[in-house]
Amino acid sequence: MNRDDTRPGFAVTVARALHRNPADGTELREWAARLHVSVKTLQRDFVREYGTSYSRWRTSLRLRVSKVLLQTQPVAEVARRVGYATPSAFCAAFAREFGHSPRRRSTGEA
């Protein structure tokens, strides 16, 4: 019997956990083991559910969350809270994603 395609997949389970804790550093292979599925199955599920890889999805989540946190917290604290080992690694990822450093304040940005 095939899995019901209307039921959320394994990627949704992982996404919900990461929404609760964006700093969670659990790798894809660890999530797959916890869910008792293959890494390939979980990879495919991420692409099917979100149109991108686990790694890219997690980075995007972390950076979206960081934009909210940066409104009230310093860069170093935000970097730690969203799972970056160093503020410089966070700043580099933020700049790649948004085209400017996280310190830049501009009106109209979320």
PDB file of N, CA and C in Angstrom:
ATOM      1  N   MET A   1       0.831  -1.179   0.000  1.00  0.00           N
ATOM      2  CA  MET A   1       0.000   0.000   0.000  1.00  0.00           C
ATOM      3  C   MET A   1       0.878   1.245   0.000  1.00  0.00           C
ATOM      4  N   ASN A   2       0.569   2.208  -0.847  1.00  0.00           N
ATOM      5  CA  ASN A   2       1.327   3.449  -0.935  1.00  0.00           C
ATOM      6  C   ASN A   2       0.949   4.398   0.189  1.00  0.00           C
ATOM      7  N   ARG A   3       1.916   5.228   0.530  1.00  0.00           N
ATOM      8  CA  ARG A   3       1.667   6.248   1.531  1.00  0.00           C
ATOM      9  C   ARG A   3       0.647   7.233   0.982  1.00  0.00           C
ATOM     10  N   ASP A   4      -0.270   7.677   1.815  1.00  0.00           N
ATOM     11  CA  ASP A   4      -1.289   8.651   1.409  1.00  0.00           C
ATOM     12  C   ASP A   4      -0.606   9.967   1.079  1.00  0.00           C
ATOM     13  N   ASP A   5      -0.677  10.405  -0.189  1.00  0.00           N
ATOM     14  CA  ASP A   5       0.018  11.614  -0.620  1.00  0.00           C
ATOM     15  C   ASP A   5      -0.554  12.885  -0.011  1.00  0.00           C
ATOM     16  N   THR A   6      -1.714  12.830   0.632  1.00  0.00           N
ATOM     17  CA  THR A   6      -2.255  14.012   1.285  1.00  0.00           C
ATOM     18  C   THR A   6      -1.714  14.164   2.701  1.00  0.00           C
ATOM     19  N   ARG A   7      -1.122  13.134   3.239  1.00  0.00           N
ATOM     20  CA  ARG A   7      -0.546  13.181   4.581  1.00  0.00           C
ATOM     21  C   ARG A   7       0.822  13.855   4.524  1.00  0.00           C
ATOM     22  N   PRO A   8       1.139  14.730   5.492  1.00  0.00           N
ATOM     23  CA  PRO A   8       2.460  15.353   5.481  1.00  0.00           C
ATOM     24  C   PRO A   8       3.566  14.303   5.505  1.00  0.00           C
ATOM     25  N   GLY A   9       4.642  14.603   4.818  1.00  0.00           N
ATOM     26  CA  GLY A   9       5.755  13.676   4.741  1.00  0.00           C
ATOM     27  C   GLY A   9       6.729  13.826   5.892  1.00  0.00           C
ATOM     28  N   PHE A  10       7.811  13.086   5.787  1.00  0.00           N
ATOM     29  CA  PHE A  10       8.842  13.095   6.814  1.00  0.00           C
ATOM     30  C   PHE A  10       9.480  14.476   6.943  1.00  0.00           C
ATOM     31  N   ALA A  11       9.612  15.182   5.826  1.00  0.00           N
ATOM     32  CA  ALA A  11      10.228  16.513   5.854  1.00  0.00           C
ATOM     33  C   ALA A  11       9.431  17.471   6.723  1.00  0.00           C
ATOM     34  N   VAL A  12       8.127  17.331   6.733  1.00  0.00           N
ATOM     35  CA  VAL A  12       7.289  18.212   7.555  1.00  0.00           C
ATOM     36  C   VAL A  12       7.583  17.993   9.039  1.00  0.00           C
ATOM     37  N   THR A  13       7.805  16.763   9.430  1.00  0.00           N
ATOM     38  CA  THR A  13       8.152  16.461  10.817  1.00  0.00           C
ATOM     39  C   THR A  13       9.453  17.164  11.206  1.00  0.00           C
ATOM     40  N   VAL A  14      10.429  17.086  10.331  1.00  0.00           N
ATOM     41  CA  VAL A  14      11.717  17.741  10.580  1.00  0.00           C
ATOM     42  C   VAL A  14      11.535  19.260  10.598  1.00  0.00           C
ATOM     43  N   ALA A  15      10.791  19.783   9.652  1.00  0.00           N
ATOM     44  CA  ALA A  15      10.579  21.234   9.562  1.00  0.00           C
ATOM     45  C   ALA A  15       9.918  21.769  10.825  1.00  0.00           C
ATOM     46  N   ARG A  16       8.944  21.057  11.337  1.00  0.00           N
ATOM     47  CA  ARG A  16       8.276  21.500  12.574  1.00  0.00           C
ATOM     48  C   ARG A  16       9.259  21.572  13.733  1.00  0.00           C
ATOM     49  N   ALA A  17      10.122  20.573  13.846  1.00  0.00           N
ATOM     50  CA  ALA A  17      11.124  20.569  14.921  1.00  0.00           C
ATOM     51  C   ALA A  17      12.088  21.738  14.763  1.00  0.00           C
ATOM     52  N   LEU A  18      12.500  22.016  13.539  1.00  0.00           N
ATOM     53  CA  LEU A  18      13.446  23.107  13.309  1.00  0.00           C
ATOM     54  C   LEU A  18      12.789  24.478  13.484  1.00  0.00           C
ATOM     55  N   HIS A  19      11.513  24.586  13.239  1.00  0.00           N
ATOM     56  CA  HIS A  19      10.808  25.844  13.513  1.00  0.00           C
ATOM     57  C   HIS A  19      10.832  26.129  15.014  1.00  0.00           C
ATOM     58  N   ARG A  20      10.715  25.081  15.812  1.00  0.00           N
ATOM     59  CA  ARG A  20      10.766  25.260  17.269  1.00  0.00           C
ATOM     60  C   ARG A  20      12.168  25.602  17.750  1.00  0.00           C
ATOM     61  N   ASN A  21      13.187  25.101  17.039  1.00  0.00           N
ATOM     62  CA  ASN A  21      14.573  25.331  17.449  1.00  0.00           C
ATOM     63  C   ASN A  21      15.464  25.444  16.212  1.00  0.00           C
ATOM     64  N   PRO A  22      15.543  26.650  15.612  1.00  0.00           N
ATOM     65  CA  PRO A  22      16.340  26.798  14.388  1.00  0.00           C
ATOM     66  C   PRO A  22      17.832  26.512  14.585  1.00  0.00           C
ATOM     67  N   ALA A  23      18.302  26.548  15.814  1.00  0.00           N
ATOM     68  CA  ALA A  23      19.721  26.284  16.079  1.00  0.00           C
ATOM     69  C   ALA A  23      20.042  24.791  16.115  1.00  0.00           C
ATOM     70  N   ASP A  24      19.042  23.953  16.051  1.00  0.00           N
ATOM     71  CA  ASP A  24      19.266  22.500  16.088  1.00  0.00           C
ATOM     72  C   ASP A  24      20.208  22.107  14.953  1.00  0.00           C
ATOM     73  N   GLY A  25      21.309  21.501  15.306  1.00  0.00           N
ATOM     74  CA  GLY A  25      22.324  21.148  14.320  1.00  0.00           C
ATOM     75  C   GLY A  25      22.226  19.726  13.796  1.00  0.00           C
ATOM     76  N   THR A  26      21.106  19.068  14.030  1.00  0.00           N
ATOM     77  CA  THR A  26      20.938  17.687  13.597  1.00  0.00           C
ATOM     78  C   THR A  26      21.092  17.573  12.083  1.00  0.00           C
ATOM     79  N   GLU A  27      21.949  16.670  11.667  1.00  0.00           N
ATOM     80  CA  GLU A  27      22.200  16.460  10.242  1.00  0.00           C
ATOM     81  C   GLU A  27      21.103  15.580   9.639  1.00  0.00           C
ATOM     82  N   LEU A  28      21.008  15.628   8.328  1.00  0.00           N
ATOM     83  CA  LEU A  28      19.982  14.877   7.605  1.00  0.00           C
ATOM     84  C   LEU A  28      20.034  13.390   7.936  1.00  0.00           C
ATOM     85  N   ARG A  29      21.226  12.811   7.979  1.00  0.00           N
ATOM     86  CA  ARG A  29      21.344  11.374   8.265  1.00  0.00           C
ATOM     87  C   ARG A  29      20.815  11.043   9.658  1.00  0.00           C
ATOM     88  N   GLU A  30      20.988  11.955  10.618  1.00  0.00           N
ATOM     89  CA  GLU A  30      20.468  11.732  11.967  1.00  0.00           C
ATOM     90  C   GLU A  30      18.940  11.802  11.985  1.00  0.00           C
ATOM     91  N   TRP A  31      18.379  12.771  11.255  1.00  0.00           N
ATOM     92  CA  TRP A  31      16.920  12.852  11.159  1.00  0.00           C
ATOM     93  C   TRP A  31      16.367  11.579  10.507  1.00  0.00           C
ATOM     94  N   ALA A  32      17.014  11.138   9.448  1.00  0.00           N
ATOM     95  CA  ALA A  32      16.551   9.925   8.760  1.00  0.00           C
ATOM     96  C   ALA A  32      16.557   8.735   9.719  1.00  0.00           C
ATOM     97  N   ALA A  33      17.604   8.596  10.508  1.00  0.00           N
ATOM     98  CA  ALA A  33      17.675   7.490  11.472  1.00  0.00           C
ATOM     99  C   ALA A  33      16.549   7.595  12.501  1.00  0.00           C
ATOM    100  N   ARG A  34      16.305   8.793  12.990  1.00  0.00           N
ATOM    101  CA  ARG A  34      15.227   8.991  13.977  1.00  0.00           C
ATOM    102  C   ARG A  34      13.863   8.633  13.402  1.00  0.00           C
ATOM    103  N   LEU A  35      13.684   8.919  12.121  1.00  0.00           N
ATOM    104  CA  LEU A  35      12.397   8.678  11.467  1.00  0.00           C
ATOM    105  C   LEU A  35      12.302   7.283  10.836  1.00  0.00           C
ATOM    106  N   HIS A  36      13.401   6.529  10.929  1.00  0.00           N
ATOM    107  CA  HIS A  36      13.451   5.162  10.390  1.00  0.00           C
ATOM    108  C   HIS A  36      13.193   5.135   8.880  1.00  0.00           C
ATOM    109  N   VAL A  37      13.835   6.080   8.184  1.00  0.00           N
ATOM    110  CA  VAL A  37      13.781   6.129   6.719  1.00  0.00           C
ATOM    111  C   VAL A  37      15.201   6.307   6.210  1.00  0.00           C
ATOM    112  N   SER A  38      15.385   6.100   4.925  1.00  0.00           N
ATOM    113  CA  SER A  38      16.713   6.304   4.351  1.00  0.00           C
ATOM    114  C   SER A  38      16.975   7.798   4.161  1.00  0.00           C
ATOM    115  N   VAL A  39      18.235   8.140   4.090  1.00  0.00           N
ATOM    116  CA  VAL A  39      18.621   9.524   3.820  1.00  0.00           C
ATOM    117  C   VAL A  39      18.040   9.958   2.479  1.00  0.00           C
ATOM    118  N   LYS A  40      18.115   9.088   1.489  1.00  0.00           N
ATOM    119  CA  LYS A  40      17.590   9.400   0.151  1.00  0.00           C
ATOM    120  C   LYS A  40      16.089   9.696   0.205  1.00  0.00           C
ATOM    121  N   THR A  41      15.344   8.904   0.970  1.00  0.00           N
ATOM    122  CA  THR A  41      13.902   9.135   1.101  1.00  0.00           C
ATOM    123  C   THR A  41      13.636  10.505   1.717  1.00  0.00           C
ATOM    124  N   LEU A  42      14.374  10.842   2.756  1.00  0.00           N
ATOM    125  CA  LEU A  42      14.182  12.139   3.405  1.00  0.00           C
ATOM    126  C   LEU A  42      14.598  13.283   2.483  1.00  0.00           C
ATOM    127  N   GLN A  43      15.687  13.101   1.732  1.00  0.00           N
ATOM    128  CA  GLN A  43      16.099  14.115   0.749  1.00  0.00           C
ATOM    129  C   GLN A  43      14.987  14.354  -0.272  1.00  0.00           C
ATOM    130  N   ARG A  44      14.458  13.269  -0.821  1.00  0.00           N
ATOM    131  CA  ARG A  44      13.372  13.384  -1.806  1.00  0.00           C
ATOM    132  C   ARG A  44      12.149  14.055  -1.208  1.00  0.00           C
ATOM    133  N   ASP A  45      11.855  13.734   0.029  1.00  0.00           N
ATOM    134  CA  ASP A  45      10.700  14.317   0.689  1.00  0.00           C
ATOM    135  C   ASP A  45      10.867  15.826   0.873  1.00  0.00           C
ATOM    136  N   PHE A  46      12.071  16.277   1.196  1.00  0.00           N
ATOM    137  CA  PHE A  46      12.313  17.719   1.308  1.00  0.00           C
ATOM    138  C   PHE A  46      12.091  18.412  -0.031  1.00  0.00           C
ATOM    139  N   VAL A  47      12.598  17.832  -1.087  1.00  0.00           N
ATOM    140  CA  VAL A  47      12.411  18.429  -2.414  1.00  0.00           C
ATOM    141  C   VAL A  47      10.931  18.434  -2.780  1.00  0.00           C
ATOM    142  N   ARG A  48      10.227  17.349  -2.483  1.00  0.00           N
ATOM    143  CA  ARG A  48       8.796  17.279  -2.801  1.00  0.00           C
ATOM    144  C   ARG A  48       7.990  18.292  -1.982  1.00  0.00           C
ATOM    145  N   GLU A  49       8.258  18.388  -0.700  1.00  0.00           N
ATOM    146  CA  GLU A  49       7.487  19.265   0.184  1.00  0.00           C
ATOM    147  C   GLU A  49       7.860  20.745   0.032  1.00  0.00           C
ATOM    148  N   TYR A  50       9.161  21.032  -0.135  1.00  0.00           N
ATOM    149  CA  TYR A  50       9.643  22.417  -0.067  1.00  0.00           C
ATOM    150  C   TYR A  50      10.362  22.900  -1.316  1.00  0.00           C
ATOM    151  N   GLY A  51      10.569  22.006  -2.271  1.00  0.00           N
ATOM    152  CA  GLY A  51      11.205  22.409  -3.511  1.00  0.00           C
ATOM    153  C   GLY A  51      12.688  22.672  -3.407  1.00  0.00           C
ATOM    154  N   THR A  52      13.310  22.194  -2.336  1.00  0.00           N
ATOM    155  CA  THR A  52      14.741  22.415  -2.135  1.00  0.00           C
ATOM    156  C   THR A  52      15.302  21.352  -1.200  1.00  0.00           C
ATOM    157  N   SER A  53      16.615  21.340  -1.083  1.00  0.00           N
ATOM    158  CA  SER A  53      17.280  20.362  -0.216  1.00  0.00           C
ATOM    159  C   SER A  53      17.103  20.728   1.261  1.00  0.00           C
ATOM    160  N   TYR A  54      17.353  19.750   2.111  1.00  0.00           N
ATOM    161  CA  TYR A  54      17.312  19.960   3.559  1.00  0.00           C
ATOM    162  C   TYR A  54      18.258  21.084   3.964  1.00  0.00           C
ATOM    163  N   SER A  55      19.480  21.011   3.489  1.00  0.00           N
ATOM    164  CA  SER A  55      20.492  21.995   3.864  1.00  0.00           C
ATOM    165  C   SER A  55      20.065  23.412   3.475  1.00  0.00           C
ATOM    166  N   ARG A  56      19.611  23.567   2.262  1.00  0.00           N
ATOM    167  CA  ARG A  56      19.173  24.886   1.783  1.00  0.00           C
ATOM    168  C   ARG A  56      17.939  25.359   2.545  1.00  0.00           C
ATOM    169  N   TRP A  57      17.004  24.457   2.811  1.00  0.00           N
ATOM    170  CA  TRP A  57      15.797  24.823   3.550  1.00  0.00           C
ATOM    171  C   TRP A  57      16.150  25.286   4.963  1.00  0.00           C
ATOM    172  N   ARG A  58      17.030  24.532   5.638  1.00  0.00           N
ATOM    173  CA  ARG A  58      17.431  24.883   7.010  1.00  0.00           C
ATOM    174  C   ARG A  58      18.129  26.234   7.044  1.00  0.00           C
ATOM    175  N   THR A  59      19.018  26.499   6.099  1.00  0.00           N
ATOM    176  CA  THR A  59      19.690  27.792   6.037  1.00  0.00           C
ATOM    177  C   THR A  59      18.685  28.913   5.841  1.00  0.00           C
ATOM    178  N   SER A  60      17.754  28.710   4.938  1.00  0.00           N
ATOM    179  CA  SER A  60      16.737  29.719   4.678  1.00  0.00           C
ATOM    180  C   SER A  60      15.889  29.993   5.927  1.00  0.00           C
ATOM    181  N   LEU A  61      15.485  28.950   6.619  1.00  0.00           N
ATOM    182  CA  LEU A  61      14.727  29.116   7.859  1.00  0.00           C
ATOM    183  C   LEU A  61      15.519  29.935   8.863  1.00  0.00           C
ATOM    184  N   ARG A  62      16.760  29.547   9.087  1.00  0.00           N
ATOM    185  CA  ARG A  62      17.601  30.245  10.063  1.00  0.00           C
ATOM    186  C   ARG A  62      17.725  31.730   9.729  1.00  0.00           C
ATOM    187  N   LEU A  63      17.901  32.028   8.467  1.00  0.00           N
ATOM    188  CA  LEU A  63      18.082  33.426   8.084  1.00  0.00           C
ATOM    189  C   LEU A  63      16.776  34.205   8.156  1.00  0.00           C
ATOM    190  N   ARG A  64      15.656  33.588   7.835  1.00  0.00           N
ATOM    191  CA  ARG A  64      14.355  34.269   7.993  1.00  0.00           C
ATOM    192  C   ARG A  64      14.090  34.573   9.464  1.00  0.00           C
ATOM    193  N   VAL A  65      14.358  33.610  10.334  1.00  0.00           N
ATOM    194  CA  VAL A  65      14.178  33.821  11.770  1.00  0.00           C
ATOM    195  C   VAL A  65      15.122  34.921  12.251  1.00  0.00           C
ATOM    196  N   SER A  66      16.326  34.931  11.735  1.00  0.00           N
ATOM    197  CA  SER A  66      17.310  35.932  12.182  1.00  0.00           C
ATOM    198  C   SER A  66      16.844  37.352  11.894  1.00  0.00           C
ATOM    199  N   LYS A  67      16.161  37.565  10.779  1.00  0.00           N
ATOM    200  CA  LYS A  67      15.690  38.908  10.448  1.00  0.00           C
ATOM    201  C   LYS A  67      14.745  39.443  11.522  1.00  0.00           C
ATOM    202  N   VAL A  68      13.933  38.579  12.074  1.00  0.00           N
ATOM    203  CA  VAL A  68      13.021  38.981  13.147  1.00  0.00           C
ATOM    204  C   VAL A  68      13.816  39.260  14.428  1.00  0.00           C
ATOM    205  N   LEU A  69      14.708  38.354  14.776  1.00  0.00           N
ATOM    206  CA  LEU A  69      15.486  38.504  16.008  1.00  0.00           C
ATOM    207  C   LEU A  69      16.383  39.742  15.988  1.00  0.00           C
ATOM    208  N   LEU A  70      16.893  40.095  14.811  1.00  0.00           N
ATOM    209  CA  LEU A  70      17.793  41.246  14.697  1.00  0.00           C
ATOM    210  C   LEU A  70      17.109  42.570  15.043  1.00  0.00           C
ATOM    211  N   GLN A  71      15.802  42.588  15.059  1.00  0.00           N
ATOM    212  CA  GLN A  71      15.088  43.809  15.419  1.00  0.00           C
ATOM    213  C   GLN A  71      15.287  44.173  16.880  1.00  0.00           C
ATOM    214  N   THR A  72      15.615  43.175  17.712  1.00  0.00           N
ATOM    215  CA  THR A  72      15.723  43.436  19.150  1.00  0.00           C
ATOM    216  C   THR A  72      16.989  42.886  19.802  1.00  0.00           C
ATOM    217  N   GLN A  73      17.801  42.132  19.046  1.00  0.00           N
ATOM    218  CA  GLN A  73      18.963  41.487  19.653  1.00  0.00           C
ATOM    219  C   GLN A  73      20.225  41.768  18.843  1.00  0.00           C
ATOM    220  N   PRO A  74      21.381  41.752  19.517  1.00  0.00           N
ATOM    221  CA  PRO A  74      22.643  41.967  18.801  1.00  0.00           C
ATOM    222  C   PRO A  74      23.002  40.798  17.886  1.00  0.00           C
ATOM    223  N   VAL A  75      23.802  41.096  16.896  1.00  0.00           N
ATOM    224  CA  VAL A  75      24.185  40.112  15.875  1.00  0.00           C
ATOM    225  C   VAL A  75      24.763  38.840  16.495  1.00  0.00           C
ATOM    226  N   ALA A  76      25.664  38.964  17.451  1.00  0.00           N
ATOM    227  CA  ALA A  76      26.294  37.773  18.035  1.00  0.00           C
ATOM    228  C   ALA A  76      25.267  36.862  18.699  1.00  0.00           C
ATOM    229  N   GLU A  77      24.302  37.445  19.387  1.00  0.00           N
ATOM    230  CA  GLU A  77      23.258  36.646  20.039  1.00  0.00           C
ATOM    231  C   GLU A  77      22.354  35.978  19.003  1.00  0.00           C
ATOM    232  N   VAL A  78      21.998  36.714  17.972  1.00  0.00           N
ATOM    233  CA  VAL A  78      21.158  36.151  16.911  1.00  0.00           C
ATOM    234  C   VAL A  78      21.885  34.995  16.227  1.00  0.00           C
ATOM    235  N   ALA A  79      23.154  35.185  15.932  1.00  0.00           N
ATOM    236  CA  ALA A  79      23.941  34.122  15.292  1.00  0.00           C
ATOM    237  C   ALA A  79      23.883  32.843  16.116  1.00  0.00           C
ATOM    238  N   ARG A  80      24.063  32.964  17.412  1.00  0.00           N
ATOM    239  CA  ARG A  80      24.014  31.800  18.304  1.00  0.00           C
ATOM    240  C   ARG A  80      22.618  31.191  18.326  1.00  0.00           C
ATOM    241  N   ARG A  81      21.595  32.013  18.408  1.00  0.00           N
ATOM    242  CA  ARG A  81      20.211  31.515  18.531  1.00  0.00           C
ATOM    243  C   ARG A  81      19.706  30.822  17.281  1.00  0.00           C
ATOM    244  N   VAL A  82      20.281  31.149  16.123  1.00  0.00           N
ATOM    245  CA  VAL A  82      19.832  30.483  14.894  1.00  0.00           C
ATOM    246  C   VAL A  82      20.805  29.407  14.419  1.00  0.00           C
ATOM    247  N   GLY A  83      21.837  29.125  15.210  1.00  0.00           N
ATOM    248  CA  GLY A  83      22.652  27.947  14.933  1.00  0.00           C
ATOM    249  C   GLY A  83      23.980  28.144  14.240  1.00  0.00           C
ATOM    250  N   TYR A  84      24.496  29.365  14.225  1.00  0.00           N
ATOM    251  CA  TYR A  84      25.808  29.583  13.611  1.00  0.00           C
ATOM    252  C   TYR A  84      26.889  29.524  14.676  1.00  0.00           C
ATOM    253  N   ALA A  85      28.005  28.897  14.343  1.00  0.00           N
ATOM    254  CA  ALA A  85      29.100  28.722  15.289  1.00  0.00           C
ATOM    255  C   ALA A  85      29.779  30.046  15.618  1.00  0.00           C
ATOM    256  N   THR A  86      29.806  30.951  14.649  1.00  0.00           N
ATOM    257  CA  THR A  86      30.445  32.245  14.870  1.00  0.00           C
ATOM    258  C   THR A  86      29.606  33.352  14.240  1.00  0.00           C
ATOM    259  N   PRO A  87      29.697  34.555  14.799  1.00  0.00           N
ATOM    260  CA  PRO A  87      29.010  35.686  14.177  1.00  0.00           C
ATOM    261  C   PRO A  87      29.481  35.932  12.744  1.00  0.00           C
ATOM    262  N   SER A  88      30.756  35.704  12.468  1.00  0.00           N
ATOM    263  CA  SER A  88      31.252  35.949  11.106  1.00  0.00           C
ATOM    264  C   SER A  88      30.638  34.966  10.102  1.00  0.00           C
ATOM    265  N   ALA A  89      30.462  33.712  10.498  1.00  0.00           N
ATOM    266  CA  ALA A  89      29.807  32.737   9.609  1.00  0.00           C
ATOM    267  C   ALA A  89      28.357  33.154   9.363  1.00  0.00           C
ATOM    268  N   PHE A  90      27.693  33.615  10.407  1.00  0.00           N
ATOM    269  CA  PHE A  90      26.321  34.100  10.261  1.00  0.00           C
ATOM    270  C   PHE A  90      26.269  35.305   9.316  1.00  0.00           C
ATOM    271  N   CYS A  91      27.155  36.267   9.539  1.00  0.00           N
ATOM    272  CA  CYS A  91      27.166  37.477   8.696  1.00  0.00           C
ATOM    273  C   CYS A  91      27.404  37.133   7.226  1.00  0.00           C
ATOM    274  N   ALA A  92      28.295  36.192   6.966  1.00  0.00           N
ATOM    275  CA  ALA A  92      28.572  35.785   5.584  1.00  0.00           C
ATOM    276  C   ALA A  92      27.341  35.133   4.954  1.00  0.00           C
ATOM    277  N   ALA A  93      26.673  34.252   5.686  1.00  0.00           N
ATOM    278  CA  ALA A  93      25.468  33.593   5.161  1.00  0.00           C
ATOM    279  C   ALA A  93      24.350  34.612   4.946  1.00  0.00           C
ATOM    280  N   PHE A  94      24.202  35.526   5.868  1.00  0.00           N
ATOM    281  CA  PHE A  94      23.169  36.561   5.765  1.00  0.00           C
ATOM    282  C   PHE A  94      23.414  37.418   4.525  1.00  0.00           C
ATOM    283  N   ALA A  95      24.655  37.819   4.320  1.00  0.00           N
ATOM    284  CA  ALA A  95      24.993  38.653   3.159  1.00  0.00           C
ATOM    285  C   ALA A  95      24.765  37.899   1.848  1.00  0.00           C
ATOM    286  N   ARG A  96      25.095  36.607   1.809  1.00  0.00           N
ATOM    287  CA  ARG A  96      24.834  35.802   0.602  1.00  0.00           C
ATOM    288  C   ARG A  96      23.335  35.749   0.298  1.00  0.00           C
ATOM    289  N   GLU A  97      22.531  35.608   1.345  1.00  0.00           N
ATOM    290  CA  GLU A  97      21.084  35.458   1.172  1.00  0.00           C
ATOM    291  C   GLU A  97      20.387  36.775   0.829  1.00  0.00           C
ATOM    292  N   PHE A  98      20.780  37.857   1.520  1.00  0.00           N
ATOM    293  CA  PHE A  98      20.031  39.111   1.414  1.00  0.00           C
ATOM    294  C   PHE A  98      20.784  40.248   0.732  1.00  0.00           C
ATOM    295  N   GLY A  99      22.072  40.041   0.431  1.00  0.00           N
ATOM    296  CA  GLY A  99      22.834  41.056  -0.296  1.00  0.00           C
ATOM    297  C   GLY A  99      23.362  42.195   0.545  1.00  0.00           C
ATOM    298  N   HIS A 100      23.263  42.076   1.858  1.00  0.00           N
ATOM    299  CA  HIS A 100      23.808  43.100   2.754  1.00  0.00           C
ATOM    300  C   HIS A 100      24.069  42.475   4.113  1.00  0.00           C
ATOM    301  N   SER A 101      24.839  43.166   4.923  1.00  0.00           N
ATOM    302  CA  SER A 101      25.162  42.631   6.244  1.00  0.00           C
ATOM    303  C   SER A 101      23.946  42.716   7.160  1.00  0.00           C
ATOM    304  N   PRO A 102      23.930  41.931   8.201  1.00  0.00           N
ATOM    305  CA  PRO A 102      22.793  41.978   9.121  1.00  0.00           C
ATOM    306  C   PRO A 102      22.743  43.268   9.935  1.00  0.00           C
ATOM    307  N   ARG A 103      23.782  44.037   9.933  1.00  0.00           N
ATOM    308  CA  ARG A 103      23.806  45.291  10.687  1.00  0.00           C
ATOM    309  C   ARG A 103      23.060  46.404   9.970  1.00  0.00           C
ATOM    310  N   ARG A 104      22.927  46.281   8.651  1.00  0.00           N
ATOM    311  CA  ARG A 104      22.283  47.345   7.884  1.00  0.00           C
ATOM    312  C   ARG A 104      20.795  47.424   8.237  1.00  0.00           C
ATOM    313  N   ARG A 105      20.364  48.599   8.588  1.00  0.00           N
ATOM    314  CA  ARG A 105      18.945  48.834   8.863  1.00  0.00           C
ATOM    315  C   ARG A 105      18.361  49.559   7.681  1.00  0.00           C
ATOM    316  N   SER A 106      17.239  49.061   7.206  1.00  0.00           N
ATOM    317  CA  SER A 106      16.604  49.753   6.106  1.00  0.00           C
ATOM    318  C   SER A 106      15.112  49.612   6.238  1.00  0.00           C
ATOM    319  N   THR A 107      14.383  50.623   5.878  1.00  0.00           N
ATOM    320  CA  THR A 107      12.932  50.602   6.017  1.00  0.00           C
ATOM    321  C   THR A 107      12.335  49.626   5.021  1.00  0.00           C
ATOM    322  N   GLY A 108      11.252  49.035   5.440  1.00  0.00           N
ATOM    323  CA  GLY A 108      10.527  48.137   4.549  1.00  0.00           C
ATOM    324  C   GLY A 108      11.035  46.714   4.525  1.00  0.00           C
ATOM    325  N   GLU A 109      12.127  46.409   5.226  1.00  0.00           N
ATOM    326  CA  GLU A 109      12.634  45.037   5.246  1.00  0.00           C
ATOM    327  C   GLU A 109      11.983  44.271   6.376  1.00  0.00           C
ATOM    328  N   ALA A 110      11.663  43.045   6.106  1.00  0.00           N
ATOM    329  CA  ALA A 110      11.043  42.197   7.134  1.00  0.00           C
ATOM    330  C   ALA A 110      12.079  41.662   8.083  1.00  0.00           C
TER     331      ALA A 110
END
